């Protein structure tokens, strides 16, 4: 898999799916400077995406100090909610942007019996979570993030 053919337009924001309003599942919260999404498809229960809500930004170092502190605070708030509700062994944070170059961080619960204990989760094997469980988890996280 190579870089998308419209990579430059994604980077400059003119073809950014997040700026265009792409939904990533259930919107479960709004932080100071970010939106928090709870995808229907995941590798494990307890996976959320924190997406920068301001102007189009690709990298965290493109934020000023105040924006960076607020974004980090939003991300930590989501991690606390995931830890409280799911009780994982560990939380992983990934800010890559190799497919969608708009600042976002994947916050993922890790469990003793997950697919790759002790190593990063593999790419591309997300499964659709059972609807009732997904809805209940989304609501619990909404309450914790309120």
Protein backbone atom coordinates (compact mmCIF):
# COMPACT_ATOMS: atom_id res chain seq x y z
CA UNK A 1 0.00 0.00 0.00
CA UNK A 2 1.53 3.29 -1.08
CA UNK A 3 0.76 6.90 -0.27
CA UNK A 4 -2.66 8.00 -1.57
CA UNK A 5 -2.55 9.73 -4.97
CA UNK A 6 -4.20 12.81 -3.43
CA UNK A 7 -1.69 12.98 -0.56
CA UNK A 8 -0.69 16.62 -1.11
CA UNK A 9 -4.35 17.71 -1.13
CA UNK A 10 -4.95 15.76 2.07
CA UNK A 11 -1.93 17.43 3.70
CA UNK A 12 -2.95 20.96 2.66
CA UNK A 13 -6.49 20.26 3.88
CA UNK A 14 -8.30 20.63 0.55
CA UNK A 15 -9.08 16.88 0.45
CA UNK A 16 -9.06 16.16 4.18
CA UNK A 17 -11.89 13.79 5.11
CA UNK A 18 -11.90 15.00 8.73
CA UNK A 19 -12.22 18.65 7.70
CA UNK A 20 -15.04 17.57 5.36
CA UNK A 21 -16.95 16.13 8.31
CA UNK A 22 -16.20 12.42 8.01
CA UNK A 23 -17.83 10.50 10.84
CA UNK A 24 -15.82 7.78 12.55
CA UNK A 25 -18.58 6.03 14.46
CA UNK A 26 -20.48 7.48 17.40
CA UNK A 27 -19.53 10.97 18.54
CA UNK A 28 -19.21 10.40 22.28
CA UNK A 29 -17.75 13.68 23.42
CA UNK A 30 -16.31 17.07 22.67
CA UNK A 31 -13.15 18.13 24.39
CA UNK A 32 -11.68 21.59 24.65
CA UNK A 33 -10.23 21.38 21.11
CA UNK A 34 -11.22 17.94 19.87
CA UNK A 35 -14.04 15.57 19.05
CA UNK A 36 -14.07 12.04 20.46
CA UNK A 37 -15.28 9.21 18.24
CA UNK A 38 -16.11 5.64 19.22
CA UNK A 39 -15.81 3.43 16.10
CA UNK A 40 -18.16 0.52 15.45
CA UNK A 41 -15.25 -1.53 14.11
CA UNK A 42 -12.20 -2.21 16.28
CA UNK A 43 -9.66 -4.85 17.22
CA UNK A 44 -10.56 -4.62 20.90
CA UNK A 45 -13.27 -3.12 23.09
CA UNK A 46 -12.18 0.25 24.38
CA UNK A 47 -10.94 2.04 21.26
CA UNK A 48 -11.60 5.72 20.61
CA UNK A 49 -10.22 8.37 18.29
CA UNK A 50 -9.50 11.92 19.45
CA UNK A 51 -9.64 14.31 16.44
CA UNK A 52 -8.34 17.89 16.48
CA UNK A 53 -11.34 20.14 15.80
CA UNK A 54 -9.64 23.43 14.90
CA UNK A 55 -8.04 24.48 11.66
CA UNK A 56 -6.46 21.78 9.53
CA UNK A 57 -3.32 20.59 11.35
CA UNK A 58 -1.21 17.59 10.35
CA UNK A 59 1.31 17.20 13.16
CA UNK A 60 1.13 17.90 16.91
CA UNK A 61 4.18 20.15 16.63
CA UNK A 62 2.17 22.41 14.29
CA UNK A 63 0.10 23.48 17.32
CA UNK A 64 1.11 26.37 19.52
CA UNK A 65 1.91 25.59 23.16
CA UNK A 66 -1.60 26.32 24.45
CA UNK A 67 -3.29 24.30 21.69
CA UNK A 68 -0.92 21.38 22.28
CA UNK A 69 -1.61 21.40 26.02
CA UNK A 70 -5.36 21.43 25.39
CA UNK A 71 -5.17 18.62 22.83
CA UNK A 72 -3.06 16.54 25.17
CA UNK A 73 -5.51 17.20 28.03
CA UNK A 74 -8.40 16.05 25.81
CA UNK A 75 -6.52 12.87 24.90
CA UNK A 76 -5.74 12.08 28.54
CA UNK A 77 -9.38 12.64 29.49
CA UNK A 78 -10.45 10.03 26.93
CA UNK A 79 -7.82 7.59 28.21
CA UNK A 80 -9.08 8.01 31.78
CA UNK A 81 -12.64 7.26 30.63
CA UNK A 82 -11.49 4.16 28.76
CA UNK A 83 -9.49 2.98 31.77
CA UNK A 84 -12.42 3.58 34.13
CA UNK A 85 -14.99 1.76 31.99
CA UNK A 86 -12.98 -1.09 30.45
CA UNK A 87 -10.32 -1.73 33.14
CA UNK A 88 -7.57 -2.72 30.67
CA UNK A 89 -4.01 -3.72 31.57
CA UNK A 90 -2.61 -0.84 29.49
CA UNK A 91 -3.65 2.08 27.28
CA UNK A 92 -1.91 2.65 23.92
CA UNK A 93 -1.77 6.02 22.15
CA UNK A 94 -1.02 6.34 18.44
CA UNK A 95 -0.77 9.61 16.56
CA UNK A 96 0.28 8.60 13.05
CA UNK A 97 -1.81 10.23 10.30
CA UNK A 98 -0.36 8.09 7.53
CA UNK A 99 -3.76 7.63 5.89
CA UNK A 100 -5.53 10.80 7.01
CA UNK A 101 -3.00 13.56 7.66
CA UNK A 102 -5.17 15.50 10.11
CA UNK A 103 -4.13 15.49 13.75
CA UNK A 104 -5.83 12.61 15.56
CA UNK A 105 -4.86 10.10 18.22
CA UNK A 106 -6.02 6.52 18.54
CA UNK A 107 -6.54 5.63 22.21
CA UNK A 108 -6.76 1.87 22.65
CA UNK A 109 -7.35 -0.39 25.65
CA UNK A 110 -5.01 -3.37 25.83
CA UNK A 111 -5.84 -6.64 27.55
CA UNK A 112 -3.96 -9.71 28.69
CA UNK A 113 -5.79 -11.81 26.07
CA UNK A 114 -5.89 -9.37 23.14
CA UNK A 115 -4.55 -10.23 19.67
CA UNK A 116 -0.98 -9.13 20.32
CA UNK A 117 -0.13 -9.07 24.02
CA UNK A 118 3.06 -7.11 24.67
CA UNK A 119 3.33 -5.79 21.09
CA UNK A 120 1.47 -3.24 18.94
CA UNK A 121 -1.89 -4.35 17.59
CA UNK A 122 -1.79 -5.44 13.92
CA UNK A 123 -3.22 -3.20 11.24
CA UNK A 124 -6.37 -3.86 9.27
CA UNK A 125 -8.08 -6.63 11.23
CA UNK A 126 -10.88 -4.58 12.80
CA UNK A 127 -14.15 -6.40 13.40
CA UNK A 128 -17.63 -5.04 13.87
CA UNK A 129 -18.51 -5.01 17.55
CA UNK A 130 -21.91 -6.42 18.62
CA UNK A 131 -24.45 -3.59 18.37
CA UNK A 132 -25.86 -3.80 21.89
CA UNK A 133 -22.39 -3.92 23.47
CA UNK A 134 -21.10 -1.09 21.27
CA UNK A 135 -24.11 1.10 22.15
CA UNK A 136 -23.76 0.38 25.87
CA UNK A 137 -20.02 1.13 25.81
CA UNK A 138 -20.59 4.35 23.84
CA UNK A 139 -23.17 5.52 26.36
CA UNK A 140 -20.94 4.68 29.33
CA UNK A 141 -18.09 6.67 27.78
CA UNK A 142 -20.42 9.59 26.99
CA UNK A 143 -21.34 9.74 30.67
CA UNK A 144 -17.70 9.60 31.78
CA UNK A 145 -16.74 12.32 29.29
CA UNK A 146 -19.66 14.62 30.15
